Amino acid sequence: QVQESAPWFLPALGTCPRRSASLARSLGACRPTPSCLFEDLNTYPENYLFCLRRAPVARRTVPKMTVALRVPLQFFPGDRHNVALGVLLLFALAGLKDFERLPSVVRWQMNAYTNWSLALLTLGVATGQKQWEPFLCANSIGLLVGYRTAMAQGLDGNLIKKFKSHGVIFSKPLFGLLDHLLHTVPAVALVARLVSNKTRVPYINAMYCAIMSSWFAFRQQAKLDSSGIYVPHPWVRSWLGIWIGSVLTTPLIDSLIRRQWSKSALVMIGLILPWCTTRFDPGLKNKYMFEYAVACVGSPQQVRRLPSVTCRDPEKGRSGMPHIRSDIILASSKLEL
């Protein structure tokens, strides 16, 4: 009866309690049991069978296999975030600066960092690069804060004049609408998407934003001052706004996900501070309006519009010395205003 109801390895266990227990453990039958149950197999067969049946079976733990999700348009298997695709796009945008067959206004807009960011965002959405969303969010918020800091007190009106010099005329309401569509809407949409998906933004994305924006500046103009691409503006405070915006994206998203509204309000105040430094600066507008008038002198569009007389008549002056520079600046400022 014992051999019929017992497992197939029971006859080989013998009467030695230690050997029986060790052999049973090696075969995966049971855990160590009290030695009193193994005094004699012939005397207490029912106790031993009870032990074998009630003892928990040792389970072999199967290691979990991590399945790597396939990234769309992945060029290199080890590139988890598919950085190569974004770098190729940035190289193409940088090359369009020297492509002379394009219209001048298009080549000028290809130098703008806003269009680089929008092109990267469009490529990420079109190809389903969801792993780019934290970086794109940090970059969009940094760009929004930096642009608002740079173009405070109506300095964006000089951009309207610069578009006009390229043959593109915008009214002020239309330019303001396009401004919010290109700068505000992408940042707000990415924040809403990350909060709804409860996706955090690691702080390392702020460093990626600093690398991309600084490489753009040195590639396009060999300096951090982007006044030549845009219009004269407080570029130091603008860069400060870009870096603050990209760094504060992480606590902003975390506080919104956890519904910590007081922390979110403090982060928003930190994002507004760079803009306040330029918005309430009393001498900022006059300074950069004058610098814009000076920058217009010598540009191809402005030289064709200057009058032919570029100096005063020496006979009318007291000292007889011509004032060439002042007359050009005066003429250019009158034409722009």
C-alpha atoms as a PDB file:
ATOM      1  CA  GLN A   1       0.000   0.000   0.000  1.00  0.00           C
ATOM      2  CA  VAL A   2       2.829   2.308   0.769  1.00  0.00           C
ATOM      3  CA  GLN A   3       4.472   1.828  -2.585  1.00  0.00           C
ATOM      4  CA  GLU A   4       1.180   2.191  -4.472  1.00  0.00           C
ATOM      5  CA  SER A   5       0.151   5.518  -2.914  1.00  0.00           C
ATOM      6  CA  ALA A   6       3.594   7.016  -2.482  1.00  0.00           C
ATOM      7  CA  PRO A   7       5.511   8.849  -5.157  1.00  0.00           C
ATOM      8  CA  TRP A   8       7.821   6.892  -7.430  1.00  0.00           C
ATOM      9  CA  PHE A   9      10.958   7.925  -5.510  1.00  0.00           C
ATOM     10  CA  LEU A  10       9.661   6.859  -2.050  1.00  0.00           C
ATOM     11  CA  PRO A  11      11.274   3.328  -2.000  1.00  0.00           C
ATOM     12  CA  ALA A  12      14.715   4.874  -2.573  1.00  0.00           C
ATOM     13  CA  LEU A  13      14.510   7.142   0.450  1.00  0.00           C
ATOM     14  CA  GLY A  14      15.436   4.454   2.953  1.00  0.00           C
ATOM     15  CA  THR A  15      14.976   4.619   6.709  1.00  0.00           C
ATOM     16  CA  CYS A  16      17.610   7.236   7.517  1.00  0.00           C
ATOM     17  CA  PRO A  17      15.779  10.490   8.364  1.00  0.00           C
ATOM     18  CA  ARG A  18      18.601  12.789   7.225  1.00  0.00           C
ATOM     19  CA  ARG A  19      19.186  10.989   3.956  1.00  0.00           C
ATOM     20  CA  SER A  20      15.457  10.817   3.290  1.00  0.00           C
ATOM     21  CA  ALA A  21      14.985  14.529   3.879  1.00  0.00           C
ATOM     22  CA  SER A  22      18.009  15.526   1.761  1.00  0.00           C
ATOM     23  CA  LEU A  23      16.946  13.312  -1.109  1.00  0.00           C
ATOM     24  CA  ALA A  24      13.408  14.611  -0.936  1.00  0.00           C
ATOM     25  CA  ARG A  25      14.668  18.223  -1.055  1.00  0.00           C
ATOM     26  CA  SER A  26      16.944  17.463  -4.014  1.00  0.00           C
ATOM     27  CA  LEU A  27      14.008  15.982  -5.919  1.00  0.00           C
ATOM     28  CA  GLY A  28      11.856  18.984  -5.096  1.00  0.00           C
ATOM     29  CA  ALA A  29       9.319  17.028  -3.059  1.00  0.00           C
ATOM     30  CA  CYS A  30       9.173  18.817   0.276  1.00  0.00           C
ATOM     31  CA  ARG A  31      10.889  21.062   2.763  1.00  0.00           C
ATOM     32  CA  PRO A  32      12.830  19.733   5.809  1.00  0.00           C
ATOM     33  CA  THR A  33      10.429  18.003   8.202  1.00  0.00           C
ATOM     34  CA  PRO A  34      10.713  17.041  11.892  1.00  0.00           C
ATOM     35  CA  SER A  35      12.903  14.010  12.449  1.00  0.00           C
ATOM     36  CA  CYS A  36      10.227  12.350  14.562  1.00  0.00           C
ATOM     37  CA  LEU A  37       8.285  11.510  11.440  1.00  0.00           C
ATOM     38  CA  PHE A  38      11.242   9.583   9.986  1.00  0.00           C
ATOM     39  CA  GLU A  39      11.969   7.214  12.859  1.00  0.00           C
ATOM     40  CA  ASP A  40      11.034   4.129  10.900  1.00  0.00           C
ATOM     41  CA  LEU A  41       9.447   3.982   7.489  1.00  0.00           C
ATOM     42  CA  ASN A  42       8.042   0.531   8.070  1.00  0.00           C
ATOM     43  CA  THR A  43       6.516   1.533  11.420  1.00  0.00           C
ATOM     44  CA  TYR A  44       5.043   4.941  10.525  1.00  0.00           C
ATOM     45  CA  PRO A  45       4.344   4.883   6.785  1.00  0.00           C
ATOM     46  CA  GLU A  46       1.159   6.933   7.088  1.00  0.00           C
ATOM     47  CA  ASN A  47       3.001   9.790   8.861  1.00  0.00           C
ATOM     48  CA  TYR A  48       5.624   9.974   6.165  1.00  0.00           C
ATOM     49  CA  LEU A  49       3.070   9.951   3.367  1.00  0.00           C
ATOM     50  CA  PHE A  50       1.147  12.683   5.172  1.00  0.00           C
ATOM     51  CA  CYS A  51       4.323  14.756   5.287  1.00  0.00           C
ATOM     52  CA  LEU A  52       4.968  14.317   1.577  1.00  0.00           C
ATOM     53  CA  ARG A  53       1.421  15.216   0.620  1.00  0.00           C
ATOM     54  CA  ARG A  54       1.024  18.259   2.857  1.00  0.00           C
ATOM     55  CA  ALA A  55       4.499  19.766   2.406  1.00  0.00           C
ATOM     56  CA  PRO A  56       4.568  22.683  -0.032  1.00  0.00           C
ATOM     57  CA  VAL A  57       6.244  21.974  -3.322  1.00  0.00           C
ATOM     58  CA  ALA A  58       9.282  24.112  -4.037  1.00  0.00           C
ATOM     59  CA  ARG A  59       8.672  26.267  -7.094  1.00  0.00           C
ATOM     60  CA  ARG A  60      11.405  27.271  -9.423  1.00  0.00           C
ATOM     61  CA  THR A  61      11.446  31.018  -9.942  1.00  0.00           C
ATOM     62  CA  VAL A  62      11.564  31.863 -13.631  1.00  0.00           C
ATOM     63  CA  PRO A  63      13.522  35.088 -14.238  1.00  0.00           C
ATOM     64  CA  LYS A  64      11.444  37.882 -15.700  1.00  0.00           C
ATOM     65  CA  MET A  65      12.372  38.759 -19.250  1.00  0.00           C
ATOM     66  CA  THR A  66      12.306  42.428 -20.141  1.00  0.00           C
ATOM     67  CA  VAL A  67      10.807  42.944 -23.554  1.00  0.00           C
ATOM     68  CA  ALA A  68      12.324  45.928 -25.348  1.00  0.00           C
ATOM     69  CA  LEU A  69       9.655  47.998 -27.059  1.00  0.00           C
ATOM     70  CA  ARG A  70      10.340  48.733 -30.688  1.00  0.00           C
ATOM     71  CA  VAL A  71      11.051  52.396 -31.361  1.00  0.00           C
ATOM     72  CA  PRO A  72       9.750  53.689 -34.721  1.00  0.00           C
ATOM     73  CA  LEU A  73      12.445  54.565 -37.276  1.00  0.00           C
ATOM     74  CA  GLN A  74      15.234  53.376 -35.003  1.00  0.00           C
ATOM     75  CA  PHE A  75      18.561  53.427 -36.846  1.00  0.00           C
ATOM     76  CA  PHE A  76      20.699  51.826 -34.113  1.00  0.00           C
ATOM     77  CA  PRO A  77      19.463  49.018 -31.817  1.00  0.00           C
ATOM     78  CA  GLY A  78      21.186  50.480 -28.757  1.00  0.00           C
ATOM     79  CA  ASP A  79      19.674  53.940 -29.263  1.00  0.00           C
ATOM     80  CA  ARG A  80      16.717  53.614 -26.876  1.00  0.00           C
ATOM     81  CA  HIS A  81      15.605  57.228 -27.243  1.00  0.00           C
ATOM     82  CA  ASN A  82      16.271  57.325 -31.000  1.00  0.00           C
ATOM     83  CA  VAL A  83      18.507  60.376 -30.708  1.00  0.00           C
ATOM     84  CA  ALA A  84      19.997  59.739 -34.155  1.00  0.00           C
ATOM     85  CA  LEU A  85      16.738  60.651 -35.901  1.00  0.00           C
ATOM     86  CA  GLY A  86      16.549  64.015 -34.135  1.00  0.00           C
ATOM     87  CA  VAL A  87      20.219  64.781 -34.768  1.00  0.00           C
ATOM     88  CA  LEU A  88      19.788  64.129 -38.489  1.00  0.00           C
ATOM     89  CA  LEU A  89      16.878  66.577 -38.579  1.00  0.00           C
ATOM     90  CA  LEU A  90      18.933  69.255 -36.787  1.00  0.00           C
ATOM     91  CA  PHE A  91      21.817  68.749 -39.235  1.00  0.00           C
ATOM     92  CA  ALA A  92      19.409  69.236 -42.145  1.00  0.00           C
ATOM     93  CA  LEU A  93      17.980  72.428 -40.619  1.00  0.00           C
ATOM     94  CA  ALA A  94      21.470  73.779 -40.003  1.00  0.00           C
ATOM     95  CA  GLY A  95      22.395  73.163 -43.628  1.00  0.00           C
ATOM     96  CA  LEU A  96      19.403  75.093 -44.979  1.00  0.00           C
ATOM     97  CA  LYS A  97      21.024  78.288 -43.719  1.00  0.00           C
ATOM     98  CA  ASP A  98      23.481  78.205 -46.643  1.00  0.00           C
ATOM     99  CA  PHE A  99      21.054  76.947 -49.311  1.00  0.00           C
ATOM    100  CA  GLU A 100      20.877  79.969 -51.622  1.00  0.00           C
ATOM    101  CA  ARG A 101      18.013  78.686 -53.778  1.00  0.00           C
ATOM    102  CA  LEU A 102      15.542  79.223 -50.961  1.00  0.00           C
ATOM    103  CA  PRO A 103      13.950  82.668 -50.520  1.00  0.00           C
ATOM    104  CA  SER A 104      15.681  84.982 -48.086  1.00  0.00           C
ATOM    105  CA  VAL A 105      12.776  84.944 -45.635  1.00  0.00           C
ATOM    106  CA  VAL A 106      12.798  81.116 -45.545  1.00  0.00           C
ATOM    107  CA  ARG A 107      16.551  80.979 -44.944  1.00  0.00           C
ATOM    108  CA  TRP A 108      16.144  83.568 -42.203  1.00  0.00           C
ATOM    109  CA  GLN A 109      13.394  81.555 -40.517  1.00  0.00           C
ATOM    110  CA  MET A 110      15.497  78.403 -40.676  1.00  0.00           C
ATOM    111  CA  ASN A 111      17.934  80.241 -38.381  1.00  0.00           C
ATOM    112  CA  ALA A 112      15.257  80.703 -35.707  1.00  0.00           C
ATOM    113  CA  TYR A 113      15.395  78.318 -32.751  1.00  0.00           C
ATOM    114  CA  THR A 114      11.602  78.367 -32.491  1.00  0.00           C
ATOM    115  CA  ASN A 115      11.298  76.701 -35.891  1.00  0.00           C
ATOM    116  CA  TRP A 116      13.912  74.116 -34.947  1.00  0.00           C
ATOM    117  CA  SER A 117      11.887  73.205 -31.879  1.00  0.00           C
ATOM    118  CA  LEU A 118       8.649  73.035 -33.865  1.00  0.00           C
ATOM    119  CA  ALA A 119      10.264  70.868 -36.545  1.00  0.00           C
ATOM    120  CA  LEU A 120      11.517  68.447 -33.890  1.00  0.00           C
ATOM    121  CA  LEU A 121       8.082  68.385 -32.263  1.00  0.00           C
ATOM    122  CA  THR A 122       6.367  67.742 -35.602  1.00  0.00           C
ATOM    123  CA  LEU A 123       8.754  64.900 -36.426  1.00  0.00           C
ATOM    124  CA  GLY A 124       8.220  63.331 -33.000  1.00  0.00           C
ATOM    125  CA  VAL A 125       4.434  63.435 -33.298  1.00  0.00           C
ATOM    126  CA  ALA A 126       4.410  62.224 -36.915  1.00  0.00           C
ATOM    127  CA  THR A 127       6.660  59.223 -36.247  1.00  0.00           C
ATOM    128  CA  GLY A 128       5.305  58.349 -32.789  1.00  0.00           C
ATOM    129  CA  GLN A 129       8.438  59.145 -30.773  1.00  0.00           C
ATOM    130  CA  LYS A 130       6.754  59.146 -27.361  1.00  0.00           C
ATOM    131  CA  GLN A 131      10.101  58.905 -25.593  1.00  0.00           C
ATOM    132  CA  TRP A 132      10.854  62.454 -26.810  1.00  0.00           C
ATOM    133  CA  GLU A 133       7.920  64.026 -24.969  1.00  0.00           C
ATOM    134  CA  PRO A 134       9.730  64.852 -21.669  1.00  0.00           C
ATOM    135  CA  PHE A 135      12.555  66.548 -23.565  1.00  0.00           C
ATOM    136  CA  LEU A 136      10.193  68.373 -25.906  1.00  0.00           C
ATOM    137  CA  CYS A 137       8.171  69.622 -22.944  1.00  0.00           C
ATOM    138  CA  ALA A 138      11.245  70.976 -21.131  1.00  0.00           C
ATOM    139  CA  ASN A 139      12.511  72.550 -24.348  1.00  0.00           C
ATOM    140  CA  SER A 140       9.159  74.178 -25.158  1.00  0.00           C
ATOM    141  CA  ILE A 141       8.764  75.676 -21.676  1.00  0.00           C
ATOM    142  CA  GLY A 142      12.339  76.984 -21.745  1.00  0.00           C
ATOM    143  CA  LEU A 143      11.765  78.500 -25.166  1.00  0.00           C
ATOM    144  CA  LEU A 144       8.507  80.119 -24.044  1.00  0.00           C
ATOM    145  CA  VAL A 145      10.089  81.716 -20.966  1.00  0.00           C
ATOM    146  CA  GLY A 146      13.170  82.834 -22.905  1.00  0.00           C
ATOM    147  CA  TYR A 147      11.180  84.409 -25.737  1.00  0.00           C
ATOM    148  CA  ARG A 148       8.825  86.255 -23.394  1.00  0.00           C
ATOM    149  CA  THR A 149      11.837  87.556 -21.467  1.00  0.00           C
ATOM    150  CA  ALA A 150      13.589  88.733 -24.630  1.00  0.00           C
ATOM    151  CA  MET A 151      10.623  90.432 -26.312  1.00  0.00           C
ATOM    152  CA  ALA A 152       9.124  92.287 -23.345  1.00  0.00           C
ATOM    153  CA  GLN A 153       8.018  95.947 -23.562  1.00  0.00           C
ATOM    154  CA  GLY A 154       7.043  95.706 -27.215  1.00  0.00           C
ATOM    155  CA  LEU A 155      10.409  94.656 -28.646  1.00  0.00           C
ATOM    156  CA  ASP A 156       8.574  92.110 -30.776  1.00  0.00           C
ATOM    157  CA  GLY A 157       7.372  95.082 -32.827  1.00  0.00           C
ATOM    158  CA  ASN A 158      10.865  95.215 -34.292  1.00  0.00           C
ATOM    159  CA  LEU A 159      10.327  91.651 -35.512  1.00  0.00           C
ATOM    160  CA  ILE A 160       7.277  92.852 -37.441  1.00  0.00           C
ATOM    161  CA  LYS A 161       9.473  95.501 -39.070  1.00  0.00           C
ATOM    162  CA  LYS A 162      12.098  92.894 -39.906  1.00  0.00           C
ATOM    163  CA  PHE A 163       9.472  90.676 -41.539  1.00  0.00           C
ATOM    164  CA  LYS A 164       8.343  93.703 -43.529  1.00  0.00           C
ATOM    165  CA  SER A 165      11.881  94.272 -44.783  1.00  0.00           C
ATOM    166  CA  HIS A 166      11.776  90.689 -46.171  1.00  0.00           C
ATOM    167  CA  GLY A 167       8.480  91.354 -47.927  1.00  0.00           C
ATOM    168  CA  VAL A 168       6.186  89.662 -45.372  1.00  0.00           C
ATOM    169  CA  ILE A 169       3.644  92.014 -43.788  1.00  0.00           C
ATOM    170  CA  PHE A 170       1.906  91.100 -40.508  1.00  0.00           C
ATOM    171  CA  SER A 171      -0.589  93.130 -38.569  1.00  0.00           C
ATOM    172  CA  LYS A 172       0.008  93.372 -34.849  1.00  0.00           C
ATOM    173  CA  PRO A 173      -3.042  91.216 -33.851  1.00  0.00           C
ATOM    174  CA  LEU A 174      -2.110  88.545 -36.397  1.00  0.00           C
ATOM    175  CA  PHE A 175       1.490  88.520 -35.228  1.00  0.00           C
ATOM    176  CA  GLY A 176       0.341  88.151 -31.609  1.00  0.00           C
ATOM    177  CA  LEU A 177      -1.920  85.241 -32.550  1.00  0.00           C
ATOM    178  CA  LEU A 178       0.883  83.459 -34.399  1.00  0.00           C
ATOM    179  CA  ASP A 179       3.188  84.161 -31.473  1.00  0.00           C
ATOM    180  CA  HIS A 180       0.920  82.263 -29.075  1.00  0.00           C
ATOM    181  CA  LEU A 181       0.359  79.440 -31.575  1.00  0.00           C
ATOM    182  CA  LEU A 182       4.100  78.889 -31.990  1.00  0.00           C
ATOM    183  CA  HIS A 183       5.286  79.452 -28.415  1.00  0.00           C
ATOM    184  CA  THR A 184       2.440  79.045 -25.918  1.00  0.00           C
ATOM    185  CA  VAL A 185       0.288  76.281 -27.409  1.00  0.00           C
ATOM    186  CA  PRO A 186       3.070  73.620 -27.778  1.00  0.00           C
ATOM    187  CA  ALA A 187       4.207  74.111 -24.176  1.00  0.00           C
ATOM    188  CA  VAL A 188       0.685  73.920 -22.751  1.00  0.00           C
ATOM    189  CA  ALA A 189      -0.240  70.898 -24.893  1.00  0.00           C
ATOM    190  CA  LEU A 190       2.864  68.939 -23.860  1.00  0.00           C
ATOM    191  CA  VAL A 191       2.313  69.728 -20.171  1.00  0.00           C
ATOM    192  CA  ALA A 192      -1.303  68.543 -20.405  1.00  0.00           C
ATOM    193  CA  ARG A 193      -0.261  65.324 -22.167  1.00  0.00           C
ATOM    194  CA  LEU A 194       2.447  64.462 -19.645  1.00  0.00           C
ATOM    195  CA  VAL A 195       0.167  65.182 -16.691  1.00  0.00           C
ATOM    196  CA  SER A 196      -2.663  63.072 -18.148  1.00  0.00           C
ATOM    197  CA  ASN A 197      -0.263  60.170 -18.775  1.00  0.00           C
ATOM    198  CA  LYS A 198       1.492  60.740 -15.413  1.00  0.00           C
ATOM    199  CA  THR A 199       4.873  60.864 -17.114  1.00  0.00           C
ATOM    200  CA  ARG A 200       7.668  62.511 -15.162  1.00  0.00           C
ATOM    201  CA  VAL A 201      10.375  64.710 -16.674  1.00  0.00           C
ATOM    202  CA  PRO A 202      13.859  63.769 -15.402  1.00  0.00           C
ATOM    203  CA  TYR A 203      16.242  66.629 -14.656  1.00  0.00           C
ATOM    204  CA  ILE A 204      18.678  65.316 -17.278  1.00  0.00           C
ATOM    205  CA  ASN A 205      16.392  66.794 -19.945  1.00  0.00           C
ATOM    206  CA  ALA A 206      17.402  70.292 -18.799  1.00  0.00           C
ATOM    207  CA  MET A 207      20.997  69.444 -19.715  1.00  0.00           C
ATOM    208  CA  TYR A 208      19.866  68.135 -23.107  1.00  0.00           C
ATOM    209  CA  CYS A 209      18.029  71.420 -23.713  1.00  0.00           C
ATOM    210  CA  ALA A 210      21.145  73.417 -22.796  1.00  0.00           C
ATOM    211  CA  ILE A 211      23.243  71.326 -25.197  1.00  0.00           C
ATOM    212  CA  MET A 212      20.803  71.715 -28.077  1.00  0.00           C
ATOM    213  CA  SER A 213      20.188  75.461 -27.633  1.00  0.00           C
ATOM    214  CA  SER A 214      23.862  76.333 -27.143  1.00  0.00           C
ATOM    215  CA  TRP A 215      24.874  74.208 -30.156  1.00  0.00           C
ATOM    216  CA  PHE A 216      22.242  76.034 -32.205  1.00  0.00           C
ATOM    217  CA  ALA A 217      23.623  79.430 -31.142  1.00  0.00           C
ATOM    218  CA  PHE A 218      27.249  78.609 -31.904  1.00  0.00           C
ATOM    219  CA  ARG A 219      26.377  76.811 -35.154  1.00  0.00           C
ATOM    220  CA  GLN A 220      24.289  79.651 -36.540  1.00  0.00           C
ATOM    221  CA  GLN A 221      26.214  82.724 -35.341  1.00  0.00           C
ATOM    222  CA  ALA A 222      29.277  81.560 -33.362  1.00  0.00           C
ATOM    223  CA  LYS A 223      28.060  83.302 -30.172  1.00  0.00           C
ATOM    224  CA  LEU A 224      25.262  83.196 -27.623  1.00  0.00           C
ATOM    225  CA  ASP A 225      23.907  86.619 -28.585  1.00  0.00           C
ATOM    226  CA  SER A 226      21.122  85.956 -31.114  1.00  0.00           C
ATOM    227  CA  SER A 227      20.389  89.614 -31.830  1.00  0.00           C
ATOM    228  CA  GLY A 228      21.548  89.160 -35.407  1.00  0.00           C
ATOM    229  CA  ILE A 229      19.015  86.408 -36.064  1.00  0.00           C
ATOM    230  CA  TYR A 230      16.125  88.086 -34.268  1.00  0.00           C
ATOM    231  CA  VAL A 231      16.376  91.729 -33.194  1.00  0.00           C
ATOM    232  CA  PRO A 232      18.489  93.355 -30.450  1.00  0.00           C
ATOM    233  CA  HIS A 233      17.245  92.112 -27.083  1.00  0.00           C
ATOM    234  CA  PRO A 234      18.554  91.369 -23.549  1.00  0.00           C
ATOM    235  CA  TRP A 235      20.133  88.070 -24.533  1.00  0.00           C
ATOM    236  CA  VAL A 236      21.747  87.323 -21.170  1.00  0.00           C
ATOM    237  CA  ARG A 237      18.399  87.424 -19.378  1.00  0.00           C
ATOM    238  CA  SER A 238      16.844  85.523 -22.253  1.00  0.00           C
ATOM    239  CA  TRP A 239      19.310  82.638 -21.809  1.00  0.00           C
ATOM    240  CA  LEU A 240      18.669  82.739 -18.090  1.00  0.00           C
ATOM    241  CA  GLY A 241      14.957  82.341 -18.814  1.00  0.00           C
ATOM    242  CA  ILE A 242      15.602  79.360 -21.118  1.00  0.00           C
ATOM    243  CA  TRP A 243      17.639  77.514 -18.505  1.00  0.00           C
ATOM    244  CA  ILE A 244      15.257  78.324 -15.652  1.00  0.00           C
ATOM    245  CA  GLY A 245      12.275  77.186 -17.714  1.00  0.00           C
ATOM    246  CA  SER A 246      13.854  73.851 -18.655  1.00  0.00           C
ATOM    247  CA  VAL A 247      14.981  73.132 -15.069  1.00  0.00           C
ATOM    248  CA  LEU A 248      11.652  74.032 -13.457  1.00  0.00           C
ATOM    249  CA  THR A 249       9.730  71.797 -15.849  1.00  0.00           C
ATOM    250  CA  THR A 250      10.433  68.768 -13.622  1.00  0.00           C
ATOM    251  CA  PRO A 251       8.933  70.155 -10.380  1.00  0.00           C
ATOM    252  CA  LEU A 252       6.055  71.659 -12.359  1.00  0.00           C
ATOM    253  CA  ILE A 253       5.025  68.321 -13.875  1.00  0.00           C
ATOM    254  CA  ASP A 254       5.527  66.473 -10.571  1.00  0.00           C
ATOM    255  CA  SER A 255       3.384  68.936  -8.626  1.00  0.00           C
ATOM    256  CA  LEU A 256       0.617  68.830 -11.221  1.00  0.00           C
ATOM    257  CA  ILE A 257       0.587  65.020 -11.246  1.00  0.00           C
ATOM    258  CA  ARG A 258       0.394  64.885  -7.432  1.00  0.00           C
ATOM    259  CA  ARG A 259      -2.113  67.771  -7.334  1.00  0.00           C
ATOM    260  CA  GLN A 260       0.113  69.879  -5.102  1.00  0.00           C
ATOM    261  CA  TRP A 261      -1.354  73.216  -6.127  1.00  0.00           C
ATOM    262  CA  SER A 262       0.675  75.351  -3.732  1.00  0.00           C
ATOM    263  CA  LYS A 263       3.921  73.923  -5.099  1.00  0.00           C
ATOM    264  CA  SER A 264       2.665  74.452  -8.656  1.00  0.00           C
ATOM    265  CA  ALA A 265       1.978  78.113  -7.858  1.00  0.00           C
ATOM    266  CA  LEU A 266       5.511  78.561  -6.485  1.00  0.00           C
ATOM    267  CA  VAL A 267       7.004  76.998  -9.605  1.00  0.00           C
ATOM    268  CA  MET A 268       4.919  79.286 -11.814  1.00  0.00           C
ATOM    269  CA  ILE A 269       6.226  82.295  -9.901  1.00  0.00           C
ATOM    270  CA  GLY A 270       9.760  81.058 -10.555  1.00  0.00           C
ATOM    271  CA  LEU A 271       8.973  80.809 -14.275  1.00  0.00           C
ATOM    272  CA  ILE A 272       7.670  84.389 -14.375  1.00  0.00           C
ATOM    273  CA  LEU A 273      10.680  85.936 -12.612  1.00  0.00           C
ATOM    274  CA  PRO A 274      12.933  86.208 -15.732  1.00  0.00           C
ATOM    275  CA  TRP A 275      10.125  88.000 -17.586  1.00  0.00           C
ATOM    276  CA  CYS A 276       9.686  90.418 -14.678  1.00  0.00           C
ATOM    277  CA  THR A 277      13.351  91.461 -14.897  1.00  0.00           C
ATOM    278  CA  THR A 278      12.804  92.842 -18.406  1.00  0.00           C
ATOM    279  CA  ARG A 279       9.150  93.877 -18.190  1.00  0.00           C
ATOM    280  CA  PHE A 280       9.757  96.330 -15.360  1.00  0.00           C
ATOM    281  CA  ASP A 281      13.153  97.629 -16.507  1.00  0.00           C
ATOM    282  CA  PRO A 282      12.574 101.357 -17.186  1.00  0.00           C
ATOM    283  CA  GLY A 283      15.426 101.945 -19.640  1.00  0.00           C
ATOM    284  CA  LEU A 284      15.250  98.702 -21.574  1.00  0.00           C
ATOM    285  CA  LYS A 285      12.947  99.768 -24.398  1.00  0.00           C
ATOM    286  CA  ASN A 286      14.848 102.915 -25.371  1.00  0.00           C
ATOM    287  CA  LYS A 287      18.164 101.078 -25.264  1.00  0.00           C
ATOM    288  CA  TYR A 288      17.183  98.252 -27.585  1.00  0.00           C
ATOM    289  CA  MET A 289      15.103 100.436 -29.887  1.00  0.00           C
ATOM    290  CA  PHE A 290      18.220 102.501 -30.500  1.00  0.00           C
ATOM    291  CA  GLU A 291      20.311  99.372 -31.022  1.00  0.00           C
ATOM    292  CA  TYR A 292      17.794  98.127 -33.578  1.00  0.00           C
ATOM    293  CA  ALA A 293      18.038 101.417 -35.486  1.00  0.00           C
ATOM    294  CA  VAL A 294      21.816 101.116 -35.479  1.00  0.00           C
ATOM    295  CA  ALA A 295      21.632  97.479 -36.625  1.00  0.00           C
ATOM    296  CA  CYS A 296      19.468  98.448 -39.589  1.00  0.00           C
ATOM    297  CA  VAL A 297      22.246 100.666 -40.964  1.00  0.00           C
ATOM    298  CA  GLY A 298      24.282  98.730 -43.487  1.00  0.00           C
ATOM    299  CA  SER A 299      21.723  95.998 -44.124  1.00  0.00           C
ATOM    300  CA  PRO A 300      21.038  95.416 -47.846  1.00  0.00           C
ATOM    301  CA  GLN A 301      17.359  96.282 -47.497  1.00  0.00           C
ATOM    302  CA  GLN A 302      18.091  99.480 -45.627  1.00  0.00           C
ATOM    303  CA  VAL A 303      20.932 100.727 -47.811  1.00  0.00           C
ATOM    304  CA  ARG A 304      18.662 100.741 -50.872  1.00  0.00           C
ATOM    305  CA  ARG A 305      16.157 102.895 -48.972  1.00  0.00           C
ATOM    306  CA  LEU A 306      18.623 105.481 -47.634  1.00  0.00           C
ATOM    307  CA  PRO A 307      18.738 108.884 -49.327  1.00  0.00           C
ATOM    308  CA  SER A 308      21.618 109.694 -51.599  1.00  0.00           C
ATOM    309  CA  VAL A 309      22.881 112.548 -49.361  1.00  0.00           C
ATOM    310  CA  THR A 310      24.857 110.938 -46.565  1.00  0.00           C
ATOM    311  CA  CYS A 311      26.574 113.976 -45.049  1.00  0.00           C
ATOM    312  CA  ARG A 312      25.894 117.595 -44.302  1.00  0.00           C
ATOM    313  CA  ASP A 313      27.049 120.376 -46.531  1.00  0.00           C
ATOM    314  CA  PRO A 314      30.455 121.484 -45.177  1.00  0.00           C
ATOM    315  CA  GLU A 315      29.588 125.126 -45.955  1.00  0.00           C
ATOM    316  CA  LYS A 316      26.627 125.048 -43.549  1.00  0.00           C
ATOM    317  CA  GLY A 317      28.480 123.541 -40.609  1.00  0.00           C
ATOM    318  CA  ARG A 318      30.337 125.598 -38.110  1.00  0.00           C
ATOM    319  CA  SER A 319      33.495 123.509 -38.177  1.00  0.00           C
ATOM    320  CA  GLY A 320      33.050 122.229 -41.694  1.00  0.00           C
ATOM    321  CA  MET A 321      33.374 118.583 -40.564  1.00  0.00           C
ATOM    322  CA  PRO A 322      30.811 116.169 -42.090  1.00  0.00           C
ATOM    323  CA  HIS A 323      28.587 114.146 -39.724  1.00  0.00           C
ATOM    324  CA  ILE A 324      28.218 111.018 -41.838  1.00  0.00           C
ATOM    325  CA  ARG A 325      27.343 108.478 -39.150  1.00  0.00           C
ATOM    326  CA  SER A 326      24.768 110.552 -37.348  1.00  0.00           C
ATOM    327  CA  ASP A 327      22.964 111.418 -40.577  1.00  0.00           C
ATOM    328  CA  ILE A 328      22.722 107.744 -41.598  1.00  0.00           C
ATOM    329  CA  ILE A 329      21.363 106.691 -38.216  1.00  0.00           C
ATOM    330  CA  LEU A 330      18.890 109.559 -38.235  1.00  0.00           C
ATOM    331  CA  ALA A 331      17.684 108.719 -41.748  1.00  0.00           C
ATOM    332  CA  SER A 332      17.342 105.012 -40.961  1.00  0.00           C
ATOM    333  CA  SER A 333      15.434 105.647 -37.731  1.00  0.00           C
ATOM    334  CA  LYS A 334      13.024 107.962 -39.532  1.00  0.00           C
ATOM    335  CA  LEU A 335      12.405 105.387 -42.229  1.00  0.00           C
ATOM    336  CA  GLU A 336      11.759 102.618 -39.712  1.00  0.00           C
ATOM    337  CA  LEU A 337       9.442 104.714 -37.551  1.00  0.00           C
END
